[in-house]
Amino acid sequence: MSLIPMLGEITGSIHVGLAAIGSAISVGMIGFKASEATGRNPGAATPILVISIILAALAEGITFFAIFLA
């Protein structure tokens, strides 16, 4: 059994795990800042919601790229 394929599997798993952790942190920060912005300006709740949903989808897309590349 060769060491190179095992090392490739381990680094691929680490790659996906780090991407998922980074994506989860960024989605949490987006939600935090969106709720903070809505609290400051309740009249702009709908545009803030739309922008935060788009940004959350882009942040989650990074995880899917990592899964496909691993």
C-alpha atoms as a PDB file:
ATOM      1  CA  MET A   1       0.000   0.000   0.000  1.00  0.00           C
ATOM      2  CA  SER A   2       1.469   3.264  -1.113  1.00  0.00           C
ATOM      3  CA  LEU A   3       1.698   6.370   1.009  1.00  0.00           C
ATOM      4  CA  ILE A   4       0.909   8.828  -1.813  1.00  0.00           C
ATOM      5  CA  PRO A   5      -2.781   7.853  -2.364  1.00  0.00           C
ATOM      6  CA  MET A   6      -3.426   7.915   1.382  1.00  0.00           C
ATOM      7  CA  LEU A   7      -1.822  11.346   1.643  1.00  0.00           C
ATOM      8  CA  GLY A   8      -4.011  12.538  -1.224  1.00  0.00           C
ATOM      9  CA  GLU A   9      -7.160  11.339   0.545  1.00  0.00           C
ATOM     10  CA  ILE A  10      -6.156  13.015   3.806  1.00  0.00           C
ATOM     11  CA  THR A  11      -5.348  16.349   2.195  1.00  0.00           C
ATOM     12  CA  GLY A  12      -8.602  16.239   0.214  1.00  0.00           C
ATOM     13  CA  SER A  13     -10.573  15.668   3.385  1.00  0.00           C
ATOM     14  CA  ILE A  14      -8.765  18.496   5.166  1.00  0.00           C
ATOM     15  CA  HIS A  15      -9.410  20.740   2.175  1.00  0.00           C
ATOM     16  CA  VAL A  16     -13.174  20.130   2.276  1.00  0.00           C
ATOM     17  CA  GLY A  17     -13.304  20.440   6.062  1.00  0.00           C
ATOM     18  CA  LEU A  18     -11.543  23.799   6.085  1.00  0.00           C
ATOM     19  CA  ALA A  19     -13.780  25.082   3.306  1.00  0.00           C
ATOM     20  CA  ALA A  20     -16.886  24.010   5.235  1.00  0.00           C
ATOM     21  CA  ILE A  21     -15.661  25.654   8.440  1.00  0.00           C
ATOM     22  CA  GLY A  22     -14.828  28.878   6.616  1.00  0.00           C
ATOM     23  CA  SER A  23     -18.182  28.866   4.880  1.00  0.00           C
ATOM     24  CA  ALA A  24     -20.055  28.320   8.152  1.00  0.00           C
ATOM     25  CA  ILE A  25     -18.189  31.171   9.830  1.00  0.00           C
ATOM     26  CA  SER A  26     -18.856  33.520   6.934  1.00  0.00           C
ATOM     27  CA  VAL A  27     -22.584  32.682   6.812  1.00  0.00           C
ATOM     28  CA  GLY A  28     -22.780  33.322  10.544  1.00  0.00           C
ATOM     29  CA  MET A  29     -21.077  36.676  10.155  1.00  0.00           C
ATOM     30  CA  ILE A  30     -23.421  37.594   7.295  1.00  0.00           C
ATOM     31  CA  GLY A  31     -26.434  36.790   9.461  1.00  0.00           C
ATOM     32  CA  PHE A  32     -25.011  38.725  12.399  1.00  0.00           C
ATOM     33  CA  LYS A  33     -24.311  41.833  10.359  1.00  0.00           C
ATOM     34  CA  ALA A  34     -27.650  41.613   8.533  1.00  0.00           C
ATOM     35  CA  SER A  35     -29.555  41.513  11.817  1.00  0.00           C
ATOM     36  CA  GLU A  36     -27.449  44.373  13.137  1.00  0.00           C
ATOM     37  CA  ALA A  37     -28.153  46.446  10.020  1.00  0.00           C
ATOM     38  CA  THR A  38     -31.873  45.672  10.216  1.00  0.00           C
ATOM     39  CA  GLY A  39     -31.890  46.764  13.853  1.00  0.00           C
ATOM     40  CA  ARG A  40     -30.307  50.073  12.904  1.00  0.00           C
ATOM     41  CA  ASN A  41     -32.566  50.712   9.915  1.00  0.00           C
ATOM     42  CA  PRO A  42     -35.788  48.654   9.979  1.00  0.00           C
ATOM     43  CA  GLY A  43     -37.067  50.329   6.813  1.00  0.00           C
ATOM     44  CA  ALA A  44     -34.310  48.705   4.784  1.00  0.00           C
ATOM     45  CA  ALA A  45     -35.102  45.169   5.967  1.00  0.00           C
ATOM     46  CA  THR A  46     -36.072  43.807   2.546  1.00  0.00           C
ATOM     47  CA  PRO A  47     -32.956  44.976   0.635  1.00  0.00           C
ATOM     48  CA  ILE A  48     -30.746  43.779   3.499  1.00  0.00           C
ATOM     49  CA  LEU A  49     -32.465  40.380   3.403  1.00  0.00           C
ATOM     50  CA  VAL A  50     -31.991  40.053  -0.350  1.00  0.00           C
ATOM     51  CA  ILE A  51     -28.313  40.985  -0.201  1.00  0.00           C
ATOM     52  CA  SER A  52     -27.643  38.679   2.746  1.00  0.00           C
ATOM     53  CA  ILE A  53     -29.301  35.717   1.000  1.00  0.00           C
ATOM     54  CA  ILE A  54     -27.191  36.299  -2.108  1.00  0.00           C
ATOM     55  CA  LEU A  55     -23.993  36.591  -0.057  1.00  0.00           C
ATOM     56  CA  ALA A  56     -24.821  33.465   1.946  1.00  0.00           C
ATOM     57  CA  ALA A  57     -25.345  31.516  -1.286  1.00  0.00           C
ATOM     58  CA  LEU A  58     -21.991  32.713  -2.609  1.00  0.00           C
ATOM     59  CA  ALA A  59     -20.275  31.728   0.640  1.00  0.00           C
ATOM     60  CA  GLU A  60     -21.836  28.258   0.521  1.00  0.00           C
ATOM     61  CA  GLY A  61     -20.728  27.903  -3.097  1.00  0.00           C
ATOM     62  CA  ILE A  62     -17.118  27.786  -1.919  1.00  0.00           C
ATOM     63  CA  THR A  63     -17.853  24.554  -0.080  1.00  0.00           C
ATOM     64  CA  PHE A  64     -19.337  23.003  -3.211  1.00  0.00           C
ATOM     65  CA  PHE A  65     -16.248  23.972  -5.214  1.00  0.00           C
ATOM     66  CA  ALA A  66     -14.087  22.313  -2.574  1.00  0.00           C
ATOM     67  CA  ILE A  67     -16.178  19.137  -2.679  1.00  0.00           C
ATOM     68  CA  PHE A  68     -15.988  18.948  -6.465  1.00  0.00           C
ATOM     69  CA  LEU A  69     -12.234  19.590  -6.508  1.00  0.00           C
ATOM     70  CA  ALA A  70     -11.406  17.075  -3.777  1.00  0.00           C
END
